[in-house]
Amino acid sequence: RLYLEIFNIKSKKIFDLIDAPVDEFKCWKSNLPICVKNSDFVIYSHPNLIKYLQDIQYKEHHYISNACDYQSFKNTNKRIGNRPYDFPNTDKPILGYYGAFSYWLDYDIIKRYADSNKYHIVMIGGLIDNTIYNIRFVHPNITWLNHKPYDEIPYYLSWFDKCFLPFKKCELTDYVNPCKYWEYLISGKNIITHNLSINSSNII
């Protein structure tokens, strides 16, 4: 969407296709060919995203997986500091997620895990003033927390007992390579995933 503003700047251009130009990101699609053709280097973050690049004439596309900041997350395998003040008062293991509360989450799956009573689910990332990214429902076994600054995420992750990626099966999630997946991996905690179309073997 910012093609005109960016490409008027005299410098080398790297174009990074980080998500598929579908659903809420479909507005990207109209400028995708011109962005690619006028870039000096083109990369994409999920192997399947090549679908949106292969028909655009360009000398070479490079797959570079999303990843994470190892130094920030390397200590999340053990508790950091005191238990978060906004965590629930429960003896159940914490099944934790952080990210947007949006339509690409599978709320039926979230409810199923909450109903099982095996875990208390902590969902972090709500944006109060943005209805698109603040979809939630009331359940006694779920604590919904608002967005946290990124530098606080390792602290909260360290207090998860297991990590949660409950994605809905949809076109967008077929192309998603979430940084949180790699952050979860660094923590060494078990990860419960649904409809995640990337895995650690995709890393380069």
N, C-alpha and C. Protein backbone atom coordinates (compact mmCIF):
# COMPACT_ATOMS: atom_id res chain seq x y z
N ARG A 1 0.81 -1.21 0.00
CA ARG A 1 0.00 0.00 0.00
C ARG A 1 0.85 1.26 0.00
N LEU A 2 2.09 1.14 0.47
CA LEU A 2 2.97 2.31 0.56
C LEU A 2 3.97 2.36 -0.59
N TYR A 3 3.62 1.69 -1.69
CA TYR A 3 4.57 1.61 -2.81
C TYR A 3 5.10 2.98 -3.23
N LEU A 4 4.21 3.94 -3.46
CA LEU A 4 4.65 5.24 -3.98
C LEU A 4 5.58 5.95 -3.00
N GLU A 5 5.27 5.88 -1.72
CA GLU A 5 6.10 6.55 -0.71
C GLU A 5 7.48 5.90 -0.63
N ILE A 6 7.52 4.57 -0.68
CA ILE A 6 8.79 3.87 -0.48
C ILE A 6 9.66 3.90 -1.73
N PHE A 7 9.05 3.68 -2.89
CA PHE A 7 9.87 3.56 -4.09
C PHE A 7 10.33 4.91 -4.66
N ASN A 8 9.88 5.98 -4.09
CA ASN A 8 10.42 7.29 -4.44
C ASN A 8 11.71 7.59 -3.68
N ILE A 9 12.00 6.79 -2.67
CA ILE A 9 13.24 6.95 -1.92
C ILE A 9 14.37 6.30 -2.71
N LYS A 10 15.45 7.01 -2.91
CA LYS A 10 16.57 6.49 -3.69
C LYS A 10 17.44 5.60 -2.81
N SER A 11 17.25 4.31 -2.95
CA SER A 11 18.04 3.34 -2.19
C SER A 11 17.76 1.96 -2.76
N LYS A 12 18.54 0.98 -2.34
CA LYS A 12 18.25 -0.40 -2.69
C LYS A 12 16.96 -0.82 -2.01
N LYS A 13 16.17 -1.67 -2.68
CA LYS A 13 14.87 -2.08 -2.14
C LYS A 13 14.84 -3.61 -1.95
N ILE A 14 14.44 -4.02 -0.76
CA ILE A 14 14.19 -5.42 -0.47
C ILE A 14 12.70 -5.58 -0.25
N PHE A 15 12.08 -6.47 -1.01
CA PHE A 15 10.66 -6.73 -0.82
C PHE A 15 10.50 -8.06 -0.10
N ASP A 16 9.79 -8.04 1.02
CA ASP A 16 9.58 -9.24 1.84
C ASP A 16 8.10 -9.54 1.87
N LEU A 17 7.70 -10.64 1.23
CA LEU A 17 6.30 -11.07 1.27
C LEU A 17 6.12 -11.90 2.53
N ILE A 18 5.53 -11.30 3.55
CA ILE A 18 5.46 -11.95 4.86
C ILE A 18 4.16 -12.71 5.09
N ASP A 19 3.13 -12.41 4.32
CA ASP A 19 1.84 -13.09 4.42
C ASP A 19 1.22 -13.14 3.04
N ALA A 20 0.24 -14.00 2.88
CA ALA A 20 -0.46 -14.09 1.59
C ALA A 20 -1.35 -12.86 1.40
N PRO A 21 -1.45 -12.35 0.19
CA PRO A 21 -2.32 -11.20 -0.09
C PRO A 21 -3.78 -11.63 -0.22
N VAL A 22 -4.32 -12.14 0.87
CA VAL A 22 -5.71 -12.62 0.89
C VAL A 22 -6.39 -12.08 2.15
N ASP A 23 -7.72 -12.23 2.17
CA ASP A 23 -8.51 -11.80 3.33
C ASP A 23 -8.19 -10.36 3.69
N GLU A 24 -7.81 -10.09 4.92
CA GLU A 24 -7.59 -8.70 5.32
C GLU A 24 -6.38 -8.08 4.64
N PHE A 25 -5.51 -8.93 4.06
CA PHE A 25 -4.33 -8.42 3.37
C PHE A 25 -4.50 -8.40 1.85
N LYS A 26 -5.71 -8.59 1.37
CA LYS A 26 -5.93 -8.64 -0.08
C LYS A 26 -5.62 -7.30 -0.75
N CYS A 27 -5.62 -6.22 0.03
CA CYS A 27 -5.30 -4.90 -0.54
C CYS A 27 -3.85 -4.85 -1.03
N TRP A 28 -3.01 -5.80 -0.59
CA TRP A 28 -1.62 -5.83 -1.04
C TRP A 28 -1.51 -6.27 -2.50
N LYS A 29 -2.49 -7.04 -2.96
CA LYS A 29 -2.33 -7.77 -4.21
C LYS A 29 -2.16 -6.86 -5.42
N SER A 30 -2.86 -5.74 -5.44
CA SER A 30 -2.82 -4.88 -6.63
C SER A 30 -1.42 -4.33 -6.89
N ASN A 31 -0.68 -4.03 -5.84
CA ASN A 31 0.66 -3.48 -6.01
C ASN A 31 1.76 -4.54 -5.93
N LEU A 32 1.39 -5.79 -5.73
CA LEU A 32 2.40 -6.83 -5.58
C LEU A 32 3.33 -6.93 -6.80
N PRO A 33 2.80 -7.01 -8.04
CA PRO A 33 3.72 -7.14 -9.18
C PRO A 33 4.70 -5.98 -9.32
N ILE A 34 4.22 -4.76 -9.11
CA ILE A 34 5.10 -3.60 -9.30
C ILE A 34 6.14 -3.52 -8.17
N CYS A 35 5.77 -3.95 -6.98
CA CYS A 35 6.74 -3.97 -5.87
C CYS A 35 7.85 -4.97 -6.18
N VAL A 36 7.46 -6.14 -6.65
CA VAL A 36 8.44 -7.18 -6.95
C VAL A 36 9.36 -6.73 -8.09
N LYS A 37 8.77 -6.25 -9.16
CA LYS A 37 9.57 -5.89 -10.36
C LYS A 37 10.53 -4.74 -10.09
N ASN A 38 10.21 -3.89 -9.14
CA ASN A 38 11.07 -2.73 -8.87
C ASN A 38 11.92 -2.89 -7.63
N SER A 39 12.03 -4.11 -7.13
CA SER A 39 12.89 -4.38 -5.98
C SER A 39 14.22 -4.95 -6.44
N ASP A 40 15.22 -4.75 -5.61
CA ASP A 40 16.55 -5.29 -5.91
C ASP A 40 16.70 -6.71 -5.36
N PHE A 41 15.86 -7.06 -4.41
CA PHE A 41 15.96 -8.37 -3.78
C PHE A 41 14.57 -8.74 -3.30
N VAL A 42 14.12 -9.96 -3.55
CA VAL A 42 12.76 -10.38 -3.18
C VAL A 42 12.84 -11.65 -2.32
N ILE A 43 12.24 -11.59 -1.14
CA ILE A 43 12.24 -12.73 -0.23
C ILE A 43 10.81 -13.03 0.19
N TYR A 44 10.60 -14.26 0.66
CA TYR A 44 9.28 -14.65 1.15
C TYR A 44 9.46 -15.57 2.35
N SER A 45 8.49 -15.56 3.27
CA SER A 45 8.70 -16.14 4.60
C SER A 45 8.08 -17.52 4.80
N HIS A 46 7.33 -18.01 3.83
CA HIS A 46 6.73 -19.34 3.91
C HIS A 46 6.90 -20.00 2.56
N PRO A 47 7.29 -21.27 2.51
CA PRO A 47 7.53 -21.91 1.20
C PRO A 47 6.36 -21.78 0.23
N ASN A 48 5.14 -21.84 0.73
CA ASN A 48 3.97 -21.81 -0.15
C ASN A 48 3.71 -20.43 -0.76
N LEU A 49 4.33 -19.38 -0.21
CA LEU A 49 4.11 -18.03 -0.74
C LEU A 49 4.71 -17.85 -2.13
N ILE A 50 5.55 -18.77 -2.56
CA ILE A 50 6.09 -18.70 -3.91
C ILE A 50 4.96 -18.68 -4.94
N LYS A 51 3.81 -19.23 -4.57
CA LYS A 51 2.64 -19.22 -5.45
C LYS A 51 2.31 -17.82 -5.94
N TYR A 52 2.49 -16.81 -5.09
CA TYR A 52 2.12 -15.44 -5.44
C TYR A 52 3.24 -14.69 -6.14
N LEU A 53 4.41 -15.33 -6.25
CA LEU A 53 5.55 -14.67 -6.86
C LEU A 53 5.96 -15.29 -8.20
N GLN A 54 5.67 -16.57 -8.38
CA GLN A 54 6.26 -17.29 -9.50
C GLN A 54 5.79 -16.79 -10.87
N ASP A 55 4.63 -16.16 -10.93
CA ASP A 55 4.13 -15.65 -12.21
C ASP A 55 4.53 -14.20 -12.48
N ILE A 56 5.26 -13.61 -11.52
CA ILE A 56 5.73 -12.24 -11.70
C ILE A 56 7.17 -12.30 -12.21
N GLN A 57 7.43 -11.68 -13.34
CA GLN A 57 8.76 -11.75 -13.92
C GLN A 57 9.77 -11.06 -13.01
N TYR A 58 10.72 -11.87 -12.54
CA TYR A 58 11.77 -11.35 -11.66
C TYR A 58 12.90 -12.35 -11.72
N LYS A 59 14.12 -11.89 -11.56
CA LYS A 59 15.26 -12.77 -11.78
C LYS A 59 15.36 -13.92 -10.77
N GLU A 60 15.04 -13.65 -9.50
CA GLU A 60 15.19 -14.71 -8.50
C GLU A 60 14.44 -14.33 -7.22
N HIS A 61 13.74 -15.30 -6.64
CA HIS A 61 13.09 -15.12 -5.35
C HIS A 61 13.81 -15.99 -4.33
N HIS A 62 13.88 -15.53 -3.10
CA HIS A 62 14.62 -16.26 -2.07
C HIS A 62 13.70 -16.54 -0.87
N TYR A 63 13.64 -17.80 -0.49
CA TYR A 63 12.88 -18.15 0.72
C TYR A 63 13.77 -17.97 1.94
N ILE A 64 13.35 -17.12 2.85
CA ILE A 64 14.02 -16.94 4.14
C ILE A 64 12.96 -17.07 5.21
N SER A 65 13.03 -18.12 5.99
CA SER A 65 12.02 -18.36 7.01
C SER A 65 11.97 -17.24 8.03
N ASN A 66 10.79 -16.98 8.57
CA ASN A 66 10.73 -16.17 9.77
C ASN A 66 11.51 -16.88 10.87
N ALA A 67 11.85 -16.16 11.89
CA ALA A 67 12.65 -16.71 12.98
C ALA A 67 12.37 -15.88 14.23
N CYS A 68 13.32 -15.80 15.12
CA CYS A 68 13.13 -14.96 16.32
C CYS A 68 14.47 -14.53 16.87
N ASP A 69 14.41 -13.68 17.86
CA ASP A 69 15.60 -13.15 18.52
C ASP A 69 16.02 -14.13 19.61
N TYR A 70 17.00 -14.95 19.33
CA TYR A 70 17.42 -15.99 20.27
C TYR A 70 17.83 -15.40 21.62
N GLN A 71 18.57 -14.30 21.60
CA GLN A 71 19.07 -13.73 22.85
C GLN A 71 17.93 -13.31 23.78
N SER A 72 16.83 -12.84 23.20
CA SER A 72 15.70 -12.40 24.03
C SER A 72 14.93 -13.55 24.63
N PHE A 73 14.96 -14.73 23.98
CA PHE A 73 14.10 -15.84 24.39
C PHE A 73 14.86 -17.04 24.95
N LYS A 74 16.18 -16.98 25.01
CA LYS A 74 16.97 -18.15 25.39
C LYS A 74 16.75 -18.60 26.83
N ASN A 75 16.26 -17.71 27.69
CA ASN A 75 16.06 -18.07 29.10
C ASN A 75 14.62 -18.41 29.45
N THR A 76 13.77 -18.55 28.45
CA THR A 76 12.35 -18.78 28.73
C THR A 76 12.04 -20.23 29.09
N ASN A 77 13.06 -21.09 29.08
CA ASN A 77 12.83 -22.48 29.49
C ASN A 77 12.67 -22.61 31.00
N LYS A 78 12.98 -21.56 31.73
CA LYS A 78 12.77 -21.55 33.18
C LYS A 78 12.05 -20.27 33.57
N ARG A 79 11.39 -20.30 34.73
CA ARG A 79 10.61 -19.15 35.18
C ARG A 79 11.48 -17.92 35.31
N ILE A 80 10.99 -16.80 34.83
CA ILE A 80 11.68 -15.52 34.97
C ILE A 80 10.91 -14.68 35.99
N GLY A 81 11.57 -14.30 37.07
CA GLY A 81 10.95 -13.44 38.06
C GLY A 81 9.77 -14.08 38.77
N ASN A 82 8.91 -13.24 39.32
CA ASN A 82 7.72 -13.71 40.02
C ASN A 82 6.58 -13.98 39.05
N ARG A 83 5.66 -14.81 39.47
CA ARG A 83 4.50 -15.13 38.65
C ARG A 83 3.78 -13.85 38.23
N PRO A 84 3.39 -13.72 36.97
CA PRO A 84 2.71 -12.49 36.53
C PRO A 84 1.49 -12.17 37.39
N TYR A 85 1.35 -10.92 37.74
CA TYR A 85 0.27 -10.50 38.62
C TYR A 85 -1.10 -10.74 38.00
N ASP A 86 -1.16 -10.75 36.65
CA ASP A 86 -2.45 -10.88 35.99
C ASP A 86 -2.73 -12.31 35.52
N PHE A 87 -1.92 -13.27 35.98
CA PHE A 87 -2.21 -14.67 35.72
C PHE A 87 -3.30 -15.14 36.68
N PRO A 88 -4.06 -16.15 36.29
CA PRO A 88 -5.13 -16.64 37.15
C PRO A 88 -4.59 -17.35 38.39
N ASN A 89 -5.38 -17.36 39.42
CA ASN A 89 -5.05 -18.11 40.63
C ASN A 89 -5.55 -19.54 40.44
N THR A 90 -4.69 -20.39 39.95
CA THR A 90 -5.07 -21.75 39.63
C THR A 90 -3.89 -22.69 39.81
N ASP A 91 -4.20 -23.95 40.11
CA ASP A 91 -3.17 -24.98 40.19
C ASP A 91 -3.02 -25.73 38.87
N LYS A 92 -3.86 -25.42 37.90
CA LYS A 92 -3.79 -26.11 36.61
C LYS A 92 -2.58 -25.62 35.81
N PRO A 93 -2.03 -26.46 34.96
CA PRO A 93 -0.98 -26.00 34.07
C PRO A 93 -1.51 -24.89 33.16
N ILE A 94 -0.64 -23.95 32.84
CA ILE A 94 -1.01 -22.84 31.97
C ILE A 94 -0.72 -23.21 30.51
N LEU A 95 -1.77 -23.16 29.70
CA LEU A 95 -1.63 -23.32 28.25
C LEU A 95 -1.71 -21.92 27.67
N GLY A 96 -0.59 -21.43 27.15
CA GLY A 96 -0.51 -20.02 26.81
C GLY A 96 -0.36 -19.72 25.33
N TYR A 97 -0.96 -18.60 24.95
CA TYR A 97 -0.87 -18.07 23.58
C TYR A 97 -0.65 -16.57 23.68
N TYR A 98 0.14 -16.03 22.75
CA TYR A 98 0.17 -14.57 22.58
C TYR A 98 0.13 -14.24 21.11
N GLY A 99 -0.57 -13.17 20.80
CA GLY A 99 -0.78 -12.75 19.42
C GLY A 99 -2.15 -12.13 19.28
N ALA A 100 -2.56 -11.91 18.05
CA ALA A 100 -3.85 -11.27 17.80
C ALA A 100 -5.01 -12.18 18.17
N PHE A 101 -6.07 -11.60 18.69
CA PHE A 101 -7.34 -12.31 18.91
C PHE A 101 -8.20 -12.05 17.67
N SER A 102 -7.92 -12.74 16.59
CA SER A 102 -8.56 -12.42 15.33
C SER A 102 -9.24 -13.63 14.73
N TYR A 103 -9.84 -13.44 13.55
CA TYR A 103 -10.68 -14.46 12.94
C TYR A 103 -9.88 -15.71 12.55
N TRP A 104 -8.55 -15.60 12.43
CA TRP A 104 -7.77 -16.78 12.01
C TRP A 104 -7.49 -17.73 13.19
N LEU A 105 -7.91 -17.37 14.40
CA LEU A 105 -7.88 -18.33 15.51
C LEU A 105 -9.13 -19.20 15.44
N ASP A 106 -8.98 -20.46 15.85
CA ASP A 106 -10.13 -21.37 15.88
C ASP A 106 -10.72 -21.35 17.29
N TYR A 107 -11.78 -20.59 17.45
CA TYR A 107 -12.37 -20.41 18.78
C TYR A 107 -13.09 -21.68 19.25
N ASP A 108 -13.50 -22.52 18.34
CA ASP A 108 -14.08 -23.81 18.74
C ASP A 108 -13.02 -24.70 19.39
N ILE A 109 -11.83 -24.70 18.82
CA ILE A 109 -10.73 -25.48 19.40
C ILE A 109 -10.34 -24.91 20.76
N ILE A 110 -10.26 -23.59 20.86
CA ILE A 110 -9.93 -22.96 22.14
C ILE A 110 -10.95 -23.37 23.20
N LYS A 111 -12.22 -23.32 22.85
CA LYS A 111 -13.28 -23.69 23.80
C LYS A 111 -13.17 -25.17 24.18
N ARG A 112 -12.82 -26.01 23.22
CA ARG A 112 -12.70 -27.44 23.50
C ARG A 112 -11.62 -27.71 24.55
N TYR A 113 -10.48 -27.03 24.42
CA TYR A 113 -9.42 -27.20 25.42
C TYR A 113 -9.84 -26.62 26.76
N ALA A 114 -10.55 -25.51 26.73
CA ALA A 114 -11.03 -24.92 27.99
C ALA A 114 -12.04 -25.84 28.67
N ASP A 115 -12.93 -26.43 27.88
CA ASP A 115 -13.94 -27.33 28.43
C ASP A 115 -13.33 -28.59 29.03
N SER A 116 -12.18 -29.00 28.51
CA SER A 116 -11.55 -30.24 29.00
C SER A 116 -11.11 -30.14 30.45
N ASN A 117 -10.92 -28.91 30.92
CA ASN A 117 -10.54 -28.65 32.31
C ASN A 117 -9.14 -29.16 32.65
N LYS A 118 -8.36 -29.51 31.64
CA LYS A 118 -7.01 -30.01 31.87
C LYS A 118 -6.02 -28.87 32.10
N TYR A 119 -6.27 -27.75 31.43
CA TYR A 119 -5.40 -26.58 31.53
C TYR A 119 -6.24 -25.35 31.87
N HIS A 120 -5.56 -24.31 32.36
CA HIS A 120 -6.15 -22.99 32.32
C HIS A 120 -5.46 -22.28 31.16
N ILE A 121 -6.25 -21.73 30.26
CA ILE A 121 -5.71 -21.10 29.06
C ILE A 121 -5.51 -19.61 29.32
N VAL A 122 -4.32 -19.13 29.01
CA VAL A 122 -4.02 -17.70 29.07
C VAL A 122 -3.78 -17.20 27.65
N MET A 123 -4.63 -16.28 27.22
CA MET A 123 -4.54 -15.69 25.88
C MET A 123 -4.08 -14.24 26.04
N ILE A 124 -2.97 -13.88 25.42
CA ILE A 124 -2.39 -12.55 25.56
C ILE A 124 -2.40 -11.84 24.21
N GLY A 125 -2.91 -10.61 24.16
CA GLY A 125 -2.78 -9.85 22.93
C GLY A 125 -3.97 -9.03 22.50
N GLY A 126 -5.00 -8.92 23.31
CA GLY A 126 -6.19 -8.18 22.90
C GLY A 126 -5.94 -6.69 22.73
N LEU A 127 -6.54 -6.13 21.70
CA LEU A 127 -6.49 -4.68 21.46
C LEU A 127 -7.90 -4.13 21.69
N ILE A 128 -8.10 -3.46 22.79
CA ILE A 128 -9.42 -3.05 23.24
C ILE A 128 -10.14 -2.19 22.21
N ASP A 129 -9.43 -1.31 21.54
CA ASP A 129 -10.06 -0.36 20.61
C ASP A 129 -10.13 -0.86 19.17
N ASN A 130 -9.83 -2.14 18.98
CA ASN A 130 -9.84 -2.70 17.62
C ASN A 130 -10.63 -4.00 17.63
N THR A 131 -11.86 -3.95 17.15
CA THR A 131 -12.73 -5.13 17.22
C THR A 131 -12.20 -6.30 16.38
N ILE A 132 -11.46 -6.01 15.32
CA ILE A 132 -10.91 -7.07 14.46
C ILE A 132 -9.90 -7.91 15.23
N TYR A 133 -9.17 -7.27 16.16
CA TYR A 133 -8.11 -7.96 16.90
C TYR A 133 -8.44 -8.09 18.38
N ASN A 134 -9.72 -8.17 18.68
CA ASN A 134 -10.11 -8.31 20.08
C ASN A 134 -11.31 -9.26 20.22
N ILE A 135 -11.29 -10.34 19.45
CA ILE A 135 -12.38 -11.32 19.49
C ILE A 135 -12.15 -12.26 20.67
N ARG A 136 -13.08 -12.33 21.58
CA ARG A 136 -12.94 -13.21 22.75
C ARG A 136 -14.31 -13.62 23.24
N PHE A 137 -14.35 -14.60 24.11
CA PHE A 137 -15.60 -15.05 24.70
C PHE A 137 -15.35 -15.38 26.16
N VAL A 138 -16.43 -15.40 26.92
CA VAL A 138 -16.30 -15.63 28.37
C VAL A 138 -16.26 -17.13 28.65
N HIS A 139 -15.28 -17.54 29.41
CA HIS A 139 -15.16 -18.94 29.84
C HIS A 139 -14.39 -18.95 31.16
N PRO A 140 -14.87 -19.70 32.16
CA PRO A 140 -14.19 -19.68 33.46
C PRO A 140 -12.77 -20.24 33.42
N ASN A 141 -12.44 -20.97 32.36
CA ASN A 141 -11.13 -21.59 32.27
C ASN A 141 -10.21 -20.87 31.29
N ILE A 142 -10.57 -19.63 30.94
CA ILE A 142 -9.73 -18.83 30.04
C ILE A 142 -9.52 -17.45 30.65
N THR A 143 -8.29 -17.00 30.68
CA THR A 143 -7.97 -15.63 31.06
C THR A 143 -7.48 -14.91 29.81
N TRP A 144 -8.19 -13.84 29.44
CA TRP A 144 -7.83 -13.03 28.27
C TRP A 144 -7.11 -11.78 28.76
N LEU A 145 -5.89 -11.59 28.30
CA LEU A 145 -5.11 -10.42 28.69
C LEU A 145 -4.89 -9.52 27.47
N ASN A 146 -4.82 -8.24 27.72
CA ASN A 146 -4.60 -7.30 26.64
C ASN A 146 -3.15 -7.36 26.15
N HIS A 147 -2.92 -6.69 25.06
CA HIS A 147 -1.60 -6.63 24.43
C HIS A 147 -0.51 -6.27 25.44
N LYS A 148 0.63 -6.94 25.32
CA LYS A 148 1.79 -6.65 26.16
C LYS A 148 2.93 -6.13 25.29
N PRO A 149 3.75 -5.22 25.82
CA PRO A 149 4.93 -4.79 25.06
C PRO A 149 5.80 -5.99 24.71
N TYR A 150 6.43 -5.92 23.56
CA TYR A 150 7.19 -7.08 23.08
C TYR A 150 8.29 -7.49 24.05
N ASP A 151 8.91 -6.53 24.73
CA ASP A 151 10.01 -6.91 25.63
C ASP A 151 9.52 -7.62 26.88
N GLU A 152 8.19 -7.66 27.11
CA GLU A 152 7.65 -8.41 28.24
C GLU A 152 7.26 -9.84 27.85
N ILE A 153 7.22 -10.14 26.55
CA ILE A 153 6.74 -11.44 26.09
C ILE A 153 7.61 -12.59 26.60
N PRO A 154 8.94 -12.50 26.60
CA PRO A 154 9.73 -13.61 27.15
C PRO A 154 9.38 -13.93 28.60
N TYR A 155 9.13 -12.90 29.38
CA TYR A 155 8.73 -13.10 30.78
C TYR A 155 7.44 -13.91 30.87
N TYR A 156 6.43 -13.52 30.10
CA TYR A 156 5.15 -14.25 30.14
C TYR A 156 5.31 -15.67 29.58
N LEU A 157 6.06 -15.81 28.50
CA LEU A 157 6.29 -17.13 27.94
C LEU A 157 6.94 -18.06 28.96
N SER A 158 7.83 -17.53 29.76
CA SER A 158 8.53 -18.37 30.74
C SER A 158 7.57 -18.98 31.76
N TRP A 159 6.39 -18.37 31.91
CA TRP A 159 5.40 -18.87 32.86
C TRP A 159 4.34 -19.75 32.21
N PHE A 160 4.44 -19.98 30.91
CA PHE A 160 3.58 -20.97 30.28
C PHE A 160 4.10 -22.36 30.63
N ASP A 161 3.20 -23.29 30.83
CA ASP A 161 3.60 -24.70 30.95
C ASP A 161 3.61 -25.38 29.59
N LYS A 162 2.67 -25.02 28.74
CA LYS A 162 2.65 -25.45 27.35
C LYS A 162 2.24 -24.26 26.50
N CYS A 163 2.60 -24.32 25.23
CA CYS A 163 2.31 -23.22 24.32
C CYS A 163 1.20 -23.63 23.35
N PHE A 164 0.45 -22.64 22.88
CA PHE A 164 -0.78 -22.89 22.13
C PHE A 164 -0.75 -22.11 20.83
N LEU A 165 -1.04 -22.80 19.72
CA LEU A 165 -1.24 -22.15 18.42
C LEU A 165 -2.49 -22.73 17.78
N PRO A 166 -3.66 -22.24 18.18
CA PRO A 166 -4.93 -22.80 17.70
C PRO A 166 -5.44 -22.09 16.45
N PHE A 167 -4.82 -22.32 15.31
CA PHE A 167 -5.22 -21.63 14.09
C PHE A 167 -6.43 -22.30 13.44
N LYS A 168 -7.22 -21.48 12.79
CA LYS A 168 -8.33 -21.96 11.98
C LYS A 168 -7.79 -22.39 10.61
N LYS A 169 -8.41 -23.38 10.03
CA LYS A 169 -8.04 -23.78 8.68
C LYS A 169 -8.68 -22.79 7.71
N CYS A 170 -7.84 -21.96 7.11
CA CYS A 170 -8.32 -20.98 6.13
C CYS A 170 -7.16 -20.64 5.20
N GLU A 171 -7.46 -19.88 4.16
CA GLU A 171 -6.42 -19.60 3.16
C GLU A 171 -5.25 -18.85 3.77
N LEU A 172 -5.53 -17.92 4.66
CA LEU A 172 -4.45 -17.14 5.25
C LEU A 172 -3.48 -18.01 6.03
N THR A 173 -4.00 -18.93 6.85
CA THR A 173 -3.11 -19.74 7.69
C THR A 173 -2.34 -20.79 6.89
N ASP A 174 -2.73 -21.03 5.66
CA ASP A 174 -1.95 -21.92 4.80
C ASP A 174 -0.58 -21.34 4.48
N TYR A 175 -0.41 -20.04 4.72
CA TYR A 175 0.83 -19.35 4.33
C TYR A 175 1.50 -18.66 5.52
N VAL A 176 1.09 -19.00 6.72
CA VAL A 176 1.58 -18.28 7.91
C VAL A 176 2.79 -18.99 8.51
N ASN A 177 3.81 -18.22 8.79
CA ASN A 177 5.01 -18.70 9.47
C ASN A 177 5.22 -17.79 10.68
N PRO A 178 4.50 -18.05 11.77
CA PRO A 178 4.50 -17.09 12.89
C PRO A 178 5.81 -17.08 13.67
N CYS A 179 6.30 -15.88 13.94
CA CYS A 179 7.51 -15.76 14.75
C CYS A 179 7.32 -16.41 16.12
N LYS A 180 6.09 -16.36 16.64
CA LYS A 180 5.85 -16.95 17.97
C LYS A 180 6.15 -18.44 17.98
N TYR A 181 5.98 -19.12 16.85
CA TYR A 181 6.30 -20.55 16.80
C TYR A 181 7.78 -20.78 17.10
N TRP A 182 8.64 -19.96 16.52
CA TRP A 182 10.08 -20.11 16.75
C TRP A 182 10.45 -19.69 18.17
N GLU A 183 9.73 -18.70 18.71
CA GLU A 183 9.96 -18.30 20.11
C GLU A 183 9.54 -19.42 21.05
N TYR A 184 8.40 -20.04 20.76
CA TYR A 184 7.95 -21.19 21.55
C TYR A 184 9.01 -22.30 21.52
N LEU A 185 9.57 -22.56 20.34
CA LEU A 185 10.56 -23.63 20.22
C LEU A 185 11.78 -23.37 21.10
N ILE A 186 12.23 -22.13 21.14
CA ILE A 186 13.39 -21.80 21.96
C ILE A 186 13.12 -22.09 23.43
N SER A 187 11.88 -21.90 23.88
CA SER A 187 11.54 -22.14 25.28
C SER A 187 11.65 -23.61 25.66
N GLY A 188 11.64 -24.50 24.67
CA GLY A 188 11.71 -25.93 24.95
C GLY A 188 10.42 -26.52 25.47
N LYS A 189 9.36 -25.72 25.50
CA LYS A 189 8.09 -26.20 26.02
C LYS A 189 7.32 -26.95 24.92
N ASN A 190 6.46 -27.87 25.35
CA ASN A 190 5.61 -28.54 24.38
C ASN A 190 4.66 -27.53 23.75
N ILE A 191 4.40 -27.73 22.45
CA ILE A 191 3.54 -26.81 21.71
C ILE A 191 2.34 -27.58 21.17
N ILE A 192 1.15 -27.12 21.51
CA ILE A 192 -0.08 -27.68 20.95
C ILE A 192 -0.46 -26.82 19.76
N THR A 193 -0.43 -27.40 18.57
CA THR A 193 -0.72 -26.63 17.36
C THR A 193 -1.93 -27.21 16.63
N HIS A 194 -2.64 -26.34 15.95
CA HIS A 194 -3.73 -26.73 15.06
C HIS A 194 -3.60 -25.90 13.79
N ASN A 195 -3.58 -26.59 12.65
CA ASN A 195 -3.53 -25.97 11.33
C ASN A 195 -2.33 -25.04 11.16
N LEU A 196 -1.20 -25.48 11.71
CA LEU A 196 0.05 -24.77 11.49
C LEU A 196 0.75 -25.41 10.29
N SER A 197 0.98 -24.65 9.25
CA SER A 197 1.50 -25.22 8.01
C SER A 197 3.01 -25.02 7.86
N ILE A 198 3.68 -24.82 8.97
CA ILE A 198 5.14 -24.66 8.97
C ILE A 198 5.68 -25.53 10.09
N ASN A 199 6.91 -25.98 9.96
CA ASN A 199 7.54 -26.71 11.07
C ASN A 199 9.03 -26.46 11.04
N SER A 200 9.72 -26.92 12.06
CA SER A 200 11.14 -26.58 12.21
C SER A 200 11.99 -27.13 11.07
N SER A 201 11.50 -28.11 10.33
CA SER A 201 12.28 -28.63 9.20
C SER A 201 12.28 -27.66 8.03
N ASN A 202 11.41 -26.63 8.07
CA ASN A 202 11.36 -25.65 6.99
C ASN A 202 12.41 -24.56 7.15
N ILE A 203 13.11 -24.54 8.28
CA ILE A 203 14.07 -23.47 8.51
C ILE A 203 15.28 -23.67 7.61
N ILE A 204 15.94 -22.57 7.25
CA ILE A 204 17.13 -22.70 6.42
C ILE A 204 18.35 -22.24 7.21
